[in-house]
């Protein structure tokens, strides 16, 4: 099983890079209307042209953050695998837990249940293989 963890985690990181790029391009298209409709419904808000443009721009700005996180994640996983420095793995795990707990907490407080589902799937895709990943330092 060990041989699958590294490629899987790199796939997850690269997927975040690609997802962030996709978000940049689709945030202002009808493809994400169901997501925005969910937000308006959750907050009992009436969508106005100005607020829609602002909300879509904020989500669009989130794309580069997701992409850069994916690259940094890949770099950290690669260095852990090659160097075996336990602090790298601990910090990745800690960063994931910070993101998961705070993002899910805020999502719950605001009734944005889509985020809970997405976050849980992402955490399950990352945390178990990360915990089980063992380094293979070169000699």
N, C-alpha and C. Protein backbone atom coordinates (compact mmCIF):
# COMPACT_ATOMS: atom_id res chain seq x y z
N UNK A 1 0.82 -1.21 0.00
CA UNK A 1 0.00 0.00 0.00
C UNK A 1 0.86 1.27 0.00
N UNK A 2 2.02 1.20 0.63
CA UNK A 2 2.87 2.37 0.77
C UNK A 2 3.17 3.04 -0.57
N UNK A 3 3.32 2.24 -1.62
CA UNK A 3 3.70 2.79 -2.92
C UNK A 3 2.59 3.67 -3.53
N UNK A 4 1.38 3.57 -3.02
CA UNK A 4 0.26 4.35 -3.56
C UNK A 4 0.07 5.70 -2.86
N UNK A 5 0.55 5.83 -1.63
CA UNK A 5 0.29 7.04 -0.85
C UNK A 5 0.92 8.28 -1.47
N UNK A 6 2.17 8.18 -1.85
CA UNK A 6 2.88 9.34 -2.42
C UNK A 6 2.23 9.81 -3.72
N UNK A 7 2.02 8.91 -4.71
CA UNK A 7 1.35 9.38 -5.94
C UNK A 7 -0.05 9.95 -5.67
N UNK A 8 -0.77 9.33 -4.74
CA UNK A 8 -2.11 9.83 -4.42
C UNK A 8 -2.05 11.24 -3.86
N UNK A 9 -1.15 11.47 -2.90
CA UNK A 9 -1.04 12.79 -2.29
C UNK A 9 -0.56 13.83 -3.31
N UNK A 10 0.32 13.44 -4.22
CA UNK A 10 0.75 14.37 -5.28
C UNK A 10 -0.43 14.67 -6.21
N UNK A 11 -1.24 13.67 -6.49
CA UNK A 11 -2.44 13.86 -7.31
C UNK A 11 -3.38 14.86 -6.64
N UNK A 12 -3.57 14.71 -5.33
CA UNK A 12 -4.44 15.63 -4.58
C UNK A 12 -3.89 17.06 -4.68
N UNK A 13 -2.59 17.21 -4.51
CA UNK A 13 -1.98 18.54 -4.60
C UNK A 13 -2.14 19.14 -5.99
N UNK A 14 -1.85 18.36 -7.02
CA UNK A 14 -1.98 18.86 -8.40
C UNK A 14 -3.44 19.15 -8.73
N UNK A 15 -4.34 18.33 -8.20
CA UNK A 15 -5.77 18.58 -8.40
C UNK A 15 -6.18 19.92 -7.81
N UNK A 16 -5.60 20.29 -6.67
CA UNK A 16 -5.89 21.59 -6.08
C UNK A 16 -5.37 22.72 -6.97
N UNK A 17 -4.19 22.51 -7.56
CA UNK A 17 -3.65 23.51 -8.49
C UNK A 17 -4.64 23.72 -9.63
N UNK A 18 -5.07 22.63 -10.23
CA UNK A 18 -6.00 22.71 -11.36
C UNK A 18 -7.36 23.26 -10.94
N UNK A 19 -7.85 22.83 -9.79
CA UNK A 19 -9.13 23.33 -9.29
C UNK A 19 -9.09 24.84 -9.09
N UNK A 20 -8.00 25.33 -8.52
CA UNK A 20 -7.87 26.78 -8.32
C UNK A 20 -7.90 27.54 -9.63
N UNK A 21 -7.25 26.99 -10.64
CA UNK A 21 -7.25 27.64 -11.96
C UNK A 21 -8.65 27.62 -12.55
N UNK A 22 -9.35 26.49 -12.41
CA UNK A 22 -10.72 26.38 -12.91
C UNK A 22 -11.61 27.41 -12.21
N UNK A 23 -11.47 27.55 -10.89
CA UNK A 23 -12.28 28.52 -10.14
C UNK A 23 -12.10 29.93 -10.70
N UNK A 24 -10.88 30.28 -11.05
CA UNK A 24 -10.61 31.60 -11.61
C UNK A 24 -11.48 31.85 -12.84
N UNK A 25 -11.59 30.83 -13.69
CA UNK A 25 -12.30 31.01 -14.96
C UNK A 25 -13.80 30.79 -14.88
N UNK A 26 -14.28 29.99 -13.93
CA UNK A 26 -15.72 29.70 -13.90
C UNK A 26 -16.50 30.51 -12.86
N UNK A 27 -15.81 31.24 -11.99
CA UNK A 27 -16.50 31.95 -10.91
C UNK A 27 -17.53 32.96 -11.42
N UNK A 28 -17.33 33.46 -12.61
CA UNK A 28 -18.27 34.45 -13.14
C UNK A 28 -19.12 33.89 -14.27
N UNK A 29 -19.32 32.56 -14.24
CA UNK A 29 -20.15 31.92 -15.26
C UNK A 29 -21.35 31.24 -14.60
N UNK A 30 -22.33 30.86 -15.39
CA UNK A 30 -23.51 30.17 -14.85
C UNK A 30 -23.19 28.77 -14.28
N UNK A 31 -22.01 28.24 -14.55
CA UNK A 31 -21.66 26.90 -14.04
C UNK A 31 -21.71 26.82 -12.52
N UNK A 32 -21.48 27.93 -11.85
CA UNK A 32 -21.46 27.92 -10.38
C UNK A 32 -22.72 28.54 -9.78
N UNK A 33 -23.71 28.77 -10.59
CA UNK A 33 -24.97 29.32 -10.09
C UNK A 33 -25.58 28.48 -8.95
N UNK A 34 -25.56 27.14 -9.04
CA UNK A 34 -26.13 26.37 -7.92
C UNK A 34 -25.43 26.67 -6.58
N UNK A 35 -24.13 26.85 -6.62
CA UNK A 35 -23.38 27.17 -5.39
C UNK A 35 -23.81 28.54 -4.85
N UNK A 36 -23.87 29.53 -5.71
CA UNK A 36 -24.25 30.86 -5.26
C UNK A 36 -25.71 30.90 -4.82
N UNK A 37 -26.58 30.17 -5.52
CA UNK A 37 -27.98 30.10 -5.10
C UNK A 37 -28.09 29.49 -3.70
N UNK A 38 -27.25 28.49 -3.42
CA UNK A 38 -27.22 27.88 -2.08
C UNK A 38 -26.81 28.93 -1.04
N UNK A 39 -25.81 29.73 -1.35
CA UNK A 39 -25.36 30.77 -0.41
C UNK A 39 -26.47 31.80 -0.17
N UNK A 40 -27.10 32.27 -1.24
CA UNK A 40 -28.19 33.24 -1.08
C UNK A 40 -29.34 32.67 -0.26
N UNK A 41 -29.67 31.41 -0.52
CA UNK A 41 -30.75 30.77 0.23
C UNK A 41 -30.35 30.59 1.70
N UNK A 42 -29.13 30.17 1.94
CA UNK A 42 -28.65 29.96 3.31
C UNK A 42 -28.72 31.24 4.13
N UNK A 43 -28.35 32.35 3.52
CA UNK A 43 -28.32 33.63 4.22
C UNK A 43 -29.60 34.44 4.02
N UNK A 44 -30.61 33.83 3.41
CA UNK A 44 -31.88 34.51 3.14
C UNK A 44 -31.63 35.86 2.49
N UNK A 45 -30.74 35.86 1.52
CA UNK A 45 -30.37 37.10 0.83
C UNK A 45 -30.97 37.12 -0.56
N UNK A 46 -31.31 38.31 -0.99
CA UNK A 46 -31.79 38.50 -2.34
C UNK A 46 -30.61 38.89 -3.22
N UNK A 47 -30.36 38.13 -4.26
CA UNK A 47 -29.21 38.47 -5.11
C UNK A 47 -29.44 39.76 -5.89
N UNK A 48 -28.52 40.66 -5.77
CA UNK A 48 -28.52 41.91 -6.53
C UNK A 48 -27.32 41.88 -7.46
N UNK A 49 -27.41 42.58 -8.55
CA UNK A 49 -26.33 42.58 -9.53
C UNK A 49 -25.00 42.94 -8.89
N UNK A 50 -24.99 43.98 -8.04
CA UNK A 50 -23.74 44.42 -7.41
C UNK A 50 -23.19 43.37 -6.45
N UNK A 51 -24.07 42.79 -5.63
CA UNK A 51 -23.59 41.79 -4.67
C UNK A 51 -23.15 40.52 -5.37
N UNK A 52 -23.82 40.15 -6.46
CA UNK A 52 -23.40 38.97 -7.22
C UNK A 52 -22.02 39.18 -7.80
N UNK A 53 -21.77 40.35 -8.35
CA UNK A 53 -20.45 40.63 -8.94
C UNK A 53 -19.37 40.60 -7.86
N UNK A 54 -19.67 41.16 -6.69
CA UNK A 54 -18.71 41.17 -5.59
C UNK A 54 -18.43 39.74 -5.11
N UNK A 55 -19.48 38.98 -4.86
CA UNK A 55 -19.33 37.61 -4.37
C UNK A 55 -18.56 36.75 -5.37
N UNK A 56 -18.87 36.87 -6.62
CA UNK A 56 -18.18 36.08 -7.64
C UNK A 56 -16.71 36.50 -7.75
N UNK A 57 -16.43 37.78 -7.58
CA UNK A 57 -15.03 38.24 -7.62
C UNK A 57 -14.25 37.71 -6.42
N UNK A 58 -14.87 37.67 -5.26
CA UNK A 58 -14.20 37.14 -4.07
C UNK A 58 -13.91 35.65 -4.25
N UNK A 59 -14.86 34.91 -4.78
CA UNK A 59 -14.64 33.47 -5.04
C UNK A 59 -13.55 33.31 -6.09
N UNK A 60 -13.57 34.15 -7.11
CA UNK A 60 -12.54 34.10 -8.15
C UNK A 60 -11.15 34.34 -7.56
N UNK A 61 -11.06 35.26 -6.62
CA UNK A 61 -9.78 35.54 -5.96
C UNK A 61 -9.31 34.38 -5.10
N UNK A 62 -10.22 33.52 -4.71
CA UNK A 62 -9.87 32.34 -3.92
C UNK A 62 -9.12 31.30 -4.76
N UNK A 63 -9.32 31.33 -6.07
CA UNK A 63 -8.68 30.38 -6.98
C UNK A 63 -7.16 30.34 -6.86
N UNK A 64 -6.48 31.49 -6.93
CA UNK A 64 -5.02 31.45 -6.78
C UNK A 64 -4.56 30.91 -5.43
N UNK A 65 -5.34 31.14 -4.38
CA UNK A 65 -5.00 30.61 -3.06
C UNK A 65 -5.04 29.08 -3.08
N UNK A 66 -6.08 28.53 -3.67
CA UNK A 66 -6.20 27.07 -3.77
C UNK A 66 -5.05 26.50 -4.61
N UNK A 67 -4.75 27.16 -5.73
CA UNK A 67 -3.65 26.69 -6.58
C UNK A 67 -2.31 26.74 -5.87
N UNK A 68 -2.03 27.83 -5.20
CA UNK A 68 -0.74 27.94 -4.52
C UNK A 68 -0.65 26.95 -3.36
N UNK A 69 -1.77 26.71 -2.66
CA UNK A 69 -1.77 25.71 -1.61
C UNK A 69 -1.42 24.35 -2.18
N UNK A 70 -1.98 24.02 -3.34
CA UNK A 70 -1.70 22.73 -3.97
C UNK A 70 -0.22 22.57 -4.30
N UNK A 71 0.39 23.63 -4.81
CA UNK A 71 1.83 23.57 -5.12
C UNK A 71 2.66 23.40 -3.85
N UNK A 72 2.34 24.17 -2.83
CA UNK A 72 3.09 24.05 -1.58
C UNK A 72 2.89 22.68 -0.94
N UNK A 73 1.70 22.15 -1.04
CA UNK A 73 1.42 20.81 -0.53
C UNK A 73 2.29 19.78 -1.25
N UNK A 74 2.35 19.85 -2.58
CA UNK A 74 3.18 18.93 -3.35
C UNK A 74 4.65 19.05 -2.94
N UNK A 75 5.12 20.27 -2.78
CA UNK A 75 6.51 20.49 -2.38
C UNK A 75 6.78 19.87 -1.00
N UNK A 76 5.88 20.10 -0.07
CA UNK A 76 6.07 19.57 1.28
C UNK A 76 6.03 18.04 1.29
N UNK A 77 5.09 17.46 0.56
CA UNK A 77 5.01 15.99 0.47
C UNK A 77 6.28 15.43 -0.15
N UNK A 78 6.74 16.05 -1.21
CA UNK A 78 7.95 15.59 -1.89
C UNK A 78 9.15 15.63 -0.95
N UNK A 79 9.31 16.73 -0.24
CA UNK A 79 10.45 16.85 0.68
C UNK A 79 10.34 15.88 1.85
N UNK A 80 9.14 15.67 2.34
CA UNK A 80 8.99 14.68 3.42
C UNK A 80 9.40 13.29 2.91
N UNK A 81 8.90 12.93 1.74
CA UNK A 81 9.20 11.61 1.19
C UNK A 81 10.70 11.44 0.97
N UNK A 82 11.37 12.47 0.47
CA UNK A 82 12.80 12.35 0.15
C UNK A 82 13.71 12.54 1.37
N UNK A 83 13.30 13.40 2.30
CA UNK A 83 14.18 13.72 3.42
C UNK A 83 13.78 13.02 4.72
N UNK A 84 12.51 12.71 4.85
CA UNK A 84 12.04 12.03 6.05
C UNK A 84 11.98 12.90 7.28
N UNK A 85 12.02 14.21 7.12
CA UNK A 85 11.97 15.11 8.26
C UNK A 85 10.56 15.09 8.85
N UNK A 86 10.46 14.59 10.06
CA UNK A 86 9.15 14.39 10.70
C UNK A 86 8.41 15.71 10.89
N UNK A 87 9.11 16.81 11.07
CA UNK A 87 8.45 18.10 11.26
C UNK A 87 7.63 18.51 10.04
N UNK A 88 8.09 18.12 8.85
CA UNK A 88 7.33 18.45 7.63
C UNK A 88 5.96 17.79 7.70
N UNK A 89 5.94 16.52 8.01
CA UNK A 89 4.68 15.78 8.09
C UNK A 89 3.79 16.34 9.21
N UNK A 90 4.39 16.65 10.34
CA UNK A 90 3.62 17.21 11.45
C UNK A 90 3.00 18.55 11.09
N UNK A 91 3.76 19.40 10.40
CA UNK A 91 3.23 20.72 10.03
C UNK A 91 2.14 20.62 8.97
N UNK A 92 2.30 19.71 8.02
CA UNK A 92 1.23 19.51 7.03
C UNK A 92 -0.04 19.05 7.74
N UNK A 93 0.11 18.10 8.63
CA UNK A 93 -1.04 17.58 9.38
C UNK A 93 -1.68 18.68 10.22
N UNK A 94 -0.87 19.47 10.89
CA UNK A 94 -1.38 20.56 11.71
C UNK A 94 -2.11 21.60 10.84
N UNK A 95 -1.53 21.94 9.70
CA UNK A 95 -2.16 22.90 8.78
C UNK A 95 -3.51 22.37 8.30
N UNK A 96 -3.57 21.08 7.97
CA UNK A 96 -4.83 20.48 7.53
C UNK A 96 -5.88 20.51 8.63
N UNK A 97 -5.46 20.24 9.85
CA UNK A 97 -6.40 20.26 10.96
C UNK A 97 -6.90 21.67 11.25
N UNK A 98 -6.01 22.65 11.17
CA UNK A 98 -6.43 24.05 11.35
C UNK A 98 -7.49 24.41 10.31
N UNK A 99 -7.17 24.11 9.04
CA UNK A 99 -8.12 24.41 7.96
C UNK A 99 -9.44 23.70 8.21
N UNK A 100 -9.39 22.39 8.47
CA UNK A 100 -10.60 21.60 8.59
C UNK A 100 -11.49 22.07 9.74
N UNK A 101 -10.91 22.24 10.90
CA UNK A 101 -11.69 22.62 12.08
C UNK A 101 -12.29 24.01 11.92
N UNK A 102 -11.48 24.97 11.49
CA UNK A 102 -11.98 26.35 11.38
C UNK A 102 -12.97 26.48 10.23
N UNK A 103 -12.65 25.92 9.07
CA UNK A 103 -13.55 26.04 7.92
C UNK A 103 -14.87 25.33 8.20
N UNK A 104 -14.80 24.14 8.77
CA UNK A 104 -16.05 23.42 9.09
C UNK A 104 -16.84 24.15 10.18
N UNK A 105 -16.14 24.66 11.17
CA UNK A 105 -16.82 25.41 12.23
C UNK A 105 -17.54 26.63 11.70
N UNK A 106 -16.86 27.40 10.87
CA UNK A 106 -17.50 28.59 10.27
C UNK A 106 -18.64 28.18 9.35
N UNK A 107 -18.44 27.11 8.61
CA UNK A 107 -19.51 26.64 7.72
C UNK A 107 -20.74 26.22 8.51
N UNK A 108 -20.52 25.48 9.60
CA UNK A 108 -21.64 25.08 10.46
C UNK A 108 -22.35 26.28 11.06
N UNK A 109 -21.57 27.24 11.56
CA UNK A 109 -22.17 28.44 12.16
C UNK A 109 -23.03 29.20 11.17
N UNK A 110 -22.67 29.12 9.89
CA UNK A 110 -23.39 29.87 8.87
C UNK A 110 -24.35 29.00 8.06
N UNK A 111 -24.43 27.71 8.38
CA UNK A 111 -25.36 26.83 7.68
C UNK A 111 -24.97 26.51 6.26
N UNK A 112 -23.69 26.57 5.95
CA UNK A 112 -23.21 26.26 4.60
C UNK A 112 -22.77 24.80 4.59
N UNK A 113 -23.71 23.92 4.39
CA UNK A 113 -23.46 22.50 4.53
C UNK A 113 -22.69 21.90 3.36
N UNK A 114 -22.71 22.54 2.21
CA UNK A 114 -21.91 22.06 1.08
C UNK A 114 -20.44 22.01 1.48
N UNK A 115 -20.00 23.01 2.23
CA UNK A 115 -18.59 23.06 2.64
C UNK A 115 -18.24 21.90 3.55
N UNK A 116 -19.16 21.51 4.40
CA UNK A 116 -18.90 20.37 5.28
C UNK A 116 -18.66 19.09 4.48
N UNK A 117 -19.46 18.89 3.48
CA UNK A 117 -19.32 17.70 2.64
C UNK A 117 -17.99 17.75 1.87
N UNK A 118 -17.72 18.88 1.24
CA UNK A 118 -16.48 19.04 0.47
C UNK A 118 -15.26 18.91 1.39
N UNK A 119 -15.30 19.56 2.54
CA UNK A 119 -14.17 19.51 3.47
C UNK A 119 -13.93 18.10 3.99
N UNK A 120 -15.00 17.41 4.33
CA UNK A 120 -14.86 16.05 4.85
C UNK A 120 -14.27 15.13 3.80
N UNK A 121 -14.74 15.24 2.56
CA UNK A 121 -14.18 14.41 1.49
C UNK A 121 -12.70 14.74 1.26
N UNK A 122 -12.36 16.02 1.27
CA UNK A 122 -10.96 16.42 1.09
C UNK A 122 -10.09 15.91 2.24
N UNK A 123 -10.57 16.06 3.46
CA UNK A 123 -9.79 15.60 4.62
C UNK A 123 -9.59 14.09 4.58
N UNK A 124 -10.62 13.36 4.18
CA UNK A 124 -10.50 11.90 4.09
C UNK A 124 -9.57 11.48 2.96
N UNK A 125 -9.49 12.30 1.93
CA UNK A 125 -8.59 12.00 0.81
C UNK A 125 -7.13 12.29 1.17
N UNK A 126 -6.91 13.17 2.14
CA UNK A 126 -5.55 13.61 2.46
C UNK A 126 -5.02 13.00 3.74
N UNK A 127 -5.77 13.09 4.81
CA UNK A 127 -5.22 12.74 6.13
C UNK A 127 -4.79 11.28 6.30
N UNK A 128 -5.63 10.30 5.98
CA UNK A 128 -5.17 8.91 6.16
C UNK A 128 -3.90 8.57 5.36
N UNK A 129 -3.84 8.90 4.05
CA UNK A 129 -2.60 8.58 3.33
C UNK A 129 -1.40 9.38 3.85
N UNK A 130 -1.65 10.60 4.30
CA UNK A 130 -0.56 11.40 4.85
C UNK A 130 -0.01 10.76 6.13
N UNK A 131 -0.90 10.35 6.99
CA UNK A 131 -0.47 9.73 8.25
C UNK A 131 0.29 8.43 7.98
N UNK A 132 -0.15 7.68 6.98
CA UNK A 132 0.48 6.39 6.68
C UNK A 132 1.73 6.50 5.79
N UNK A 133 1.94 7.65 5.17
CA UNK A 133 3.10 7.84 4.29
C UNK A 133 4.40 7.75 5.08
N UNK A 134 5.32 6.96 4.55
CA UNK A 134 6.64 6.83 5.16
C UNK A 134 7.68 7.41 4.22
N UNK A 135 8.70 8.03 4.77
CA UNK A 135 9.73 8.61 3.90
C UNK A 135 10.61 7.51 3.28
N UNK A 136 11.22 7.85 2.18
CA UNK A 136 12.21 6.99 1.56
C UNK A 136 13.43 7.83 1.26
N UNK A 137 14.16 8.21 2.30
CA UNK A 137 15.34 9.06 2.08
C UNK A 137 16.37 8.36 1.20
N UNK A 138 16.95 9.13 0.31
CA UNK A 138 18.02 8.58 -0.53
C UNK A 138 19.31 8.59 0.27
N UNK A 139 20.13 7.62 0.03
CA UNK A 139 21.38 7.53 0.77
C UNK A 139 22.55 7.98 -0.06
